[in-house]
């Protein structure tokens, strides 16, 4: 039987969470209560266990994406079942259009070309970056972003 994995509501005030890391990849078999992914809320980072056993058929949300609670983030089921309708329905709920494997590569290639053409110069000296939050520093490091190249959006920027 095919089922959605949904973004869980882990607290009374939680309305969304950021998917930090998938512990499994598409095609992996998952046992019920096995850790499937990690999410970050405004207060904590939590490991989330699978509610059912089966094969992780489709990951609908990439690492780093923020998702409203109760929306589908993956599909677990038997290897042979048709999930195309479920994928289409999930992408509609998430407000996404399904991308082929080539589209993300092409988008990345185009964005790299734009950056190369601009020849971006650092906007600020290193000493001026003491006001970056630990969460922003961690995210920049994960994404390989040089904070000196990022223009701030806060007060006085």
C-alpha atoms as a PDB file:
ATOM      1  CA  UNK A   1       0.000   0.000   0.000  1.00  0.00           C
ATOM      2  CA  UNK A   2       1.340   3.435  -0.975  1.00  0.00           C
ATOM      3  CA  UNK A   3       1.246   6.276   1.579  1.00  0.00           C
ATOM      4  CA  UNK A   4       2.384   9.855   1.840  1.00  0.00           C
ATOM      5  CA  UNK A   5       4.975  10.863   4.387  1.00  0.00           C
ATOM      6  CA  UNK A   6       3.761  14.206   5.705  1.00  0.00           C
ATOM      7  CA  UNK A   7       5.489  17.083   7.476  1.00  0.00           C
ATOM      8  CA  UNK A   8       4.572  16.361  11.091  1.00  0.00           C
ATOM      9  CA  UNK A   9       3.229  18.920  13.537  1.00  0.00           C
ATOM     10  CA  UNK A  10       5.597  18.540  16.479  1.00  0.00           C
ATOM     11  CA  UNK A  11       4.274  21.331  18.646  1.00  0.00           C
ATOM     12  CA  UNK A  12       1.104  23.295  19.314  1.00  0.00           C
ATOM     13  CA  UNK A  13       2.394  26.433  17.586  1.00  0.00           C
ATOM     14  CA  UNK A  14       4.274  24.703  14.781  1.00  0.00           C
ATOM     15  CA  UNK A  15       2.926  25.621  11.355  1.00  0.00           C
ATOM     16  CA  UNK A  16       5.961  24.759   9.205  1.00  0.00           C
ATOM     17  CA  UNK A  17       9.335  23.052   9.356  1.00  0.00           C
ATOM     18  CA  UNK A  18      12.553  22.948   7.371  1.00  0.00           C
ATOM     19  CA  UNK A  19      13.624  19.566   6.088  1.00  0.00           C
ATOM     20  CA  UNK A  20      17.285  19.467   7.112  1.00  0.00           C
ATOM     21  CA  UNK A  21      18.424  16.013   6.045  1.00  0.00           C
ATOM     22  CA  UNK A  22      17.071  12.852   4.496  1.00  0.00           C
ATOM     23  CA  UNK A  23      18.500   9.800   6.262  1.00  0.00           C
ATOM     24  CA  UNK A  24      17.332   7.511   3.452  1.00  0.00           C
ATOM     25  CA  UNK A  25      17.353   7.883  -0.315  1.00  0.00           C
ATOM     26  CA  UNK A  26      14.848   6.920  -2.972  1.00  0.00           C
ATOM     27  CA  UNK A  27      14.723   3.153  -3.431  1.00  0.00           C
ATOM     28  CA  UNK A  28      15.788   2.348   0.155  1.00  0.00           C
ATOM     29  CA  UNK A  29      13.625  -0.024   2.200  1.00  0.00           C
ATOM     30  CA  UNK A  30      12.443   1.508   5.462  1.00  0.00           C
ATOM     31  CA  UNK A  31      11.210  -0.248   8.556  1.00  0.00           C
ATOM     32  CA  UNK A  32       8.438   1.306  10.632  1.00  0.00           C
ATOM     33  CA  UNK A  33       9.921   3.542  13.396  1.00  0.00           C
ATOM     34  CA  UNK A  34      13.256   3.833  11.579  1.00  0.00           C
ATOM     35  CA  UNK A  35      14.576   7.427  11.406  1.00  0.00           C
ATOM     36  CA  UNK A  36      13.674   8.763   7.959  1.00  0.00           C
ATOM     37  CA  UNK A  37      14.592  12.479   8.073  1.00  0.00           C
ATOM     38  CA  UNK A  38      15.464  15.433  10.294  1.00  0.00           C
ATOM     39  CA  UNK A  39      13.485  18.654  10.489  1.00  0.00           C
ATOM     40  CA  UNK A  40      14.180  22.008  12.049  1.00  0.00           C
ATOM     41  CA  UNK A  41      11.444  24.070  13.629  1.00  0.00           C
ATOM     42  CA  UNK A  42      11.771  27.550  15.084  1.00  0.00           C
ATOM     43  CA  UNK A  43      12.798  25.928  18.371  1.00  0.00           C
ATOM     44  CA  UNK A  44      14.641  22.653  17.735  1.00  0.00           C
ATOM     45  CA  UNK A  45      15.963  19.977  15.379  1.00  0.00           C
ATOM     46  CA  UNK A  46      14.118  16.648  15.509  1.00  0.00           C
ATOM     47  CA  UNK A  47      14.545  13.217  13.980  1.00  0.00           C
ATOM     48  CA  UNK A  48      11.326  11.860  12.464  1.00  0.00           C
ATOM     49  CA  UNK A  49      10.583   8.161  12.221  1.00  0.00           C
ATOM     50  CA  UNK A  50       8.713   6.375   9.450  1.00  0.00           C
ATOM     51  CA  UNK A  51       5.107   5.567  10.352  1.00  0.00           C
ATOM     52  CA  UNK A  52       5.002   2.591   8.000  1.00  0.00           C
ATOM     53  CA  UNK A  53       7.349   0.066   6.415  1.00  0.00           C
ATOM     54  CA  UNK A  54       8.051   0.055   2.690  1.00  0.00           C
ATOM     55  CA  UNK A  55      10.280   1.394  -0.052  1.00  0.00           C
ATOM     56  CA  UNK A  56      10.973   5.128  -0.205  1.00  0.00           C
ATOM     57  CA  UNK A  57       9.537   5.621  -3.679  1.00  0.00           C
ATOM     58  CA  UNK A  58       9.729   9.392  -4.122  1.00  0.00           C
ATOM     59  CA  UNK A  59      11.217  12.314  -2.209  1.00  0.00           C
ATOM     60  CA  UNK A  60       9.020  15.349  -2.903  1.00  0.00           C
ATOM     61  CA  UNK A  61      10.877  17.944  -0.814  1.00  0.00           C
ATOM     62  CA  UNK A  62      14.598  18.643  -1.050  1.00  0.00           C
ATOM     63  CA  UNK A  63      16.896  19.228   1.909  1.00  0.00           C
ATOM     64  CA  UNK A  64      16.707  22.832   3.040  1.00  0.00           C
ATOM     65  CA  UNK A  65      13.109  23.384   1.899  1.00  0.00           C
ATOM     66  CA  UNK A  66      10.540  24.803   4.292  1.00  0.00           C
ATOM     67  CA  UNK A  67       7.180  23.020   4.258  1.00  0.00           C
ATOM     68  CA  UNK A  68       3.849  23.658   5.963  1.00  0.00           C
ATOM     69  CA  UNK A  69       2.741  20.936   8.385  1.00  0.00           C
ATOM     70  CA  UNK A  70       0.524  18.136   7.040  1.00  0.00           C
ATOM     71  CA  UNK A  71       1.770  18.567   3.459  1.00  0.00           C
ATOM     72  CA  UNK A  72       3.306  15.529   1.723  1.00  0.00           C
ATOM     73  CA  UNK A  73       7.104  15.375   1.609  1.00  0.00           C
ATOM     74  CA  UNK A  74       7.667  11.813   0.334  1.00  0.00           C
ATOM     75  CA  UNK A  75       5.925   8.626  -0.772  1.00  0.00           C
ATOM     76  CA  UNK A  76       6.477   5.172   0.741  1.00  0.00           C
ATOM     77  CA  UNK A  77       5.034   2.011  -0.795  1.00  0.00           C
ATOM     78  CA  UNK A  78       5.649  -1.214  -2.666  1.00  0.00           C
ATOM     79  CA  UNK A  79       8.119  -1.169  -5.556  1.00  0.00           C
ATOM     80  CA  UNK A  80       5.551  -2.230  -8.143  1.00  0.00           C
ATOM     81  CA  UNK A  81       2.728   0.203  -7.414  1.00  0.00           C
ATOM     82  CA  UNK A  82       1.969   3.112  -9.739  1.00  0.00           C
ATOM     83  CA  UNK A  83       2.532   6.394  -7.862  1.00  0.00           C
ATOM     84  CA  UNK A  84       2.358   8.860 -10.775  1.00  0.00           C
ATOM     85  CA  UNK A  85      -1.055  10.219  -9.737  1.00  0.00           C
ATOM     86  CA  UNK A  86       0.097  10.625  -6.124  1.00  0.00           C
ATOM     87  CA  UNK A  87       3.218  12.510  -7.260  1.00  0.00           C
ATOM     88  CA  UNK A  88       1.140  14.880  -9.387  1.00  0.00           C
ATOM     89  CA  UNK A  89      -1.319  15.463  -6.533  1.00  0.00           C
ATOM     90  CA  UNK A  90       1.496  16.070  -4.032  1.00  0.00           C
ATOM     91  CA  UNK A  91       3.251  18.603  -6.260  1.00  0.00           C
ATOM     92  CA  UNK A  92      -0.049  20.478  -6.627  1.00  0.00           C
ATOM     93  CA  UNK A  93      -0.442  20.607  -2.834  1.00  0.00           C
ATOM     94  CA  UNK A  94       3.152  21.797  -2.479  1.00  0.00           C
ATOM     95  CA  UNK A  95       2.687  24.409  -5.200  1.00  0.00           C
ATOM     96  CA  UNK A  96       5.450  22.915  -7.353  1.00  0.00           C
ATOM     97  CA  UNK A  97       5.709  21.661 -10.861  1.00  0.00           C
ATOM     98  CA  UNK A  98       7.503  18.350 -11.249  1.00  0.00           C
ATOM     99  CA  UNK A  99      11.040  18.812 -12.575  1.00  0.00           C
ATOM    100  CA  UNK A 100      12.885  16.337 -14.703  1.00  0.00           C
ATOM    101  CA  UNK A 101      16.429  15.368 -13.704  1.00  0.00           C
ATOM    102  CA  UNK A 102      17.858  17.719 -16.343  1.00  0.00           C
ATOM    103  CA  UNK A 103      15.992  20.849 -15.201  1.00  0.00           C
ATOM    104  CA  UNK A 104      17.825  21.309 -11.860  1.00  0.00           C
ATOM    105  CA  UNK A 105      21.173  20.763 -13.626  1.00  0.00           C
ATOM    106  CA  UNK A 106      20.290  23.333 -16.284  1.00  0.00           C
ATOM    107  CA  UNK A 107      19.115  25.867 -13.680  1.00  0.00           C
ATOM    108  CA  UNK A 108      22.331  25.416 -11.706  1.00  0.00           C
ATOM    109  CA  UNK A 109      24.414  25.790 -14.880  1.00  0.00           C
ATOM    110  CA  UNK A 110      22.598  29.022 -15.820  1.00  0.00           C
ATOM    111  CA  UNK A 111      22.996  30.514 -12.338  1.00  0.00           C
ATOM    112  CA  UNK A 112      26.731  29.728 -12.387  1.00  0.00           C
ATOM    113  CA  UNK A 113      27.043  31.472 -15.760  1.00  0.00           C
ATOM    114  CA  UNK A 114      25.310  34.564 -14.381  1.00  0.00           C
ATOM    115  CA  UNK A 115      27.618  34.679 -11.363  1.00  0.00           C
ATOM    116  CA  UNK A 116      30.694  34.321 -13.582  1.00  0.00           C
ATOM    117  CA  UNK A 117      29.506  37.141 -15.866  1.00  0.00           C
ATOM    118  CA  UNK A 118      28.903  39.528 -12.980  1.00  0.00           C
ATOM    119  CA  UNK A 119      32.354  39.069 -11.441  1.00  0.00           C
ATOM    120  CA  UNK A 120      30.922  39.713  -7.998  1.00  0.00           C
ATOM    121  CA  UNK A 121      33.118  41.713  -5.642  1.00  0.00           C
ATOM    122  CA  UNK A 122      32.821  41.364  -1.865  1.00  0.00           C
ATOM    123  CA  UNK A 123      30.392  43.971  -0.551  1.00  0.00           C
ATOM    124  CA  UNK A 124      31.837  44.227   2.961  1.00  0.00           C
ATOM    125  CA  UNK A 125      35.000  43.524   4.863  1.00  0.00           C
ATOM    126  CA  UNK A 126      35.139  40.362   6.980  1.00  0.00           C
ATOM    127  CA  UNK A 127      35.033  42.328  10.264  1.00  0.00           C
ATOM    128  CA  UNK A 128      31.584  43.641   9.388  1.00  0.00           C
ATOM    129  CA  UNK A 129      30.039  40.155   9.466  1.00  0.00           C
ATOM    130  CA  UNK A 130      29.816  39.751  13.218  1.00  0.00           C
ATOM    131  CA  UNK A 131      26.006  40.228  13.149  1.00  0.00           C
ATOM    132  CA  UNK A 132      25.279  37.041  11.215  1.00  0.00           C
ATOM    133  CA  UNK A 133      23.139  34.624  13.224  1.00  0.00           C
ATOM    134  CA  UNK A 134      24.564  31.175  13.980  1.00  0.00           C
ATOM    135  CA  UNK A 135      21.757  29.600  11.939  1.00  0.00           C
ATOM    136  CA  UNK A 136      22.608  31.780   8.922  1.00  0.00           C
ATOM    137  CA  UNK A 137      26.316  30.995   9.293  1.00  0.00           C
ATOM    138  CA  UNK A 138      25.566  27.265   9.425  1.00  0.00           C
ATOM    139  CA  UNK A 139      23.289  27.442   6.369  1.00  0.00           C
ATOM    140  CA  UNK A 140      25.874  29.452   4.406  1.00  0.00           C
ATOM    141  CA  UNK A 141      28.536  26.879   5.249  1.00  0.00           C
ATOM    142  CA  UNK A 142      26.243  23.976   4.209  1.00  0.00           C
ATOM    143  CA  UNK A 143      25.455  25.663   0.894  1.00  0.00           C
ATOM    144  CA  UNK A 144      29.040  26.740   0.273  1.00  0.00           C
ATOM    145  CA  UNK A 145      28.080  30.423   0.173  1.00  0.00           C
ATOM    146  CA  UNK A 146      30.667  33.077   0.970  1.00  0.00           C
ATOM    147  CA  UNK A 147      28.891  35.484   3.292  1.00  0.00           C
ATOM    148  CA  UNK A 148      31.038  38.359   2.030  1.00  0.00           C
ATOM    149  CA  UNK A 149      29.233  38.089  -1.321  1.00  0.00           C
ATOM    150  CA  UNK A 150      25.763  38.302   0.197  1.00  0.00           C
ATOM    151  CA  UNK A 151      24.061  41.661   0.505  1.00  0.00           C
ATOM    152  CA  UNK A 152      22.251  41.989   3.813  1.00  0.00           C
ATOM    153  CA  UNK A 153      18.527  42.698   4.090  1.00  0.00           C
ATOM    154  CA  UNK A 154      18.312  43.741   7.724  1.00  0.00           C
ATOM    155  CA  UNK A 155      18.381  47.178   9.317  1.00  0.00           C
ATOM    156  CA  UNK A 156      21.104  49.443   8.020  1.00  0.00           C
ATOM    157  CA  UNK A 157      21.754  47.297   4.944  1.00  0.00           C
END
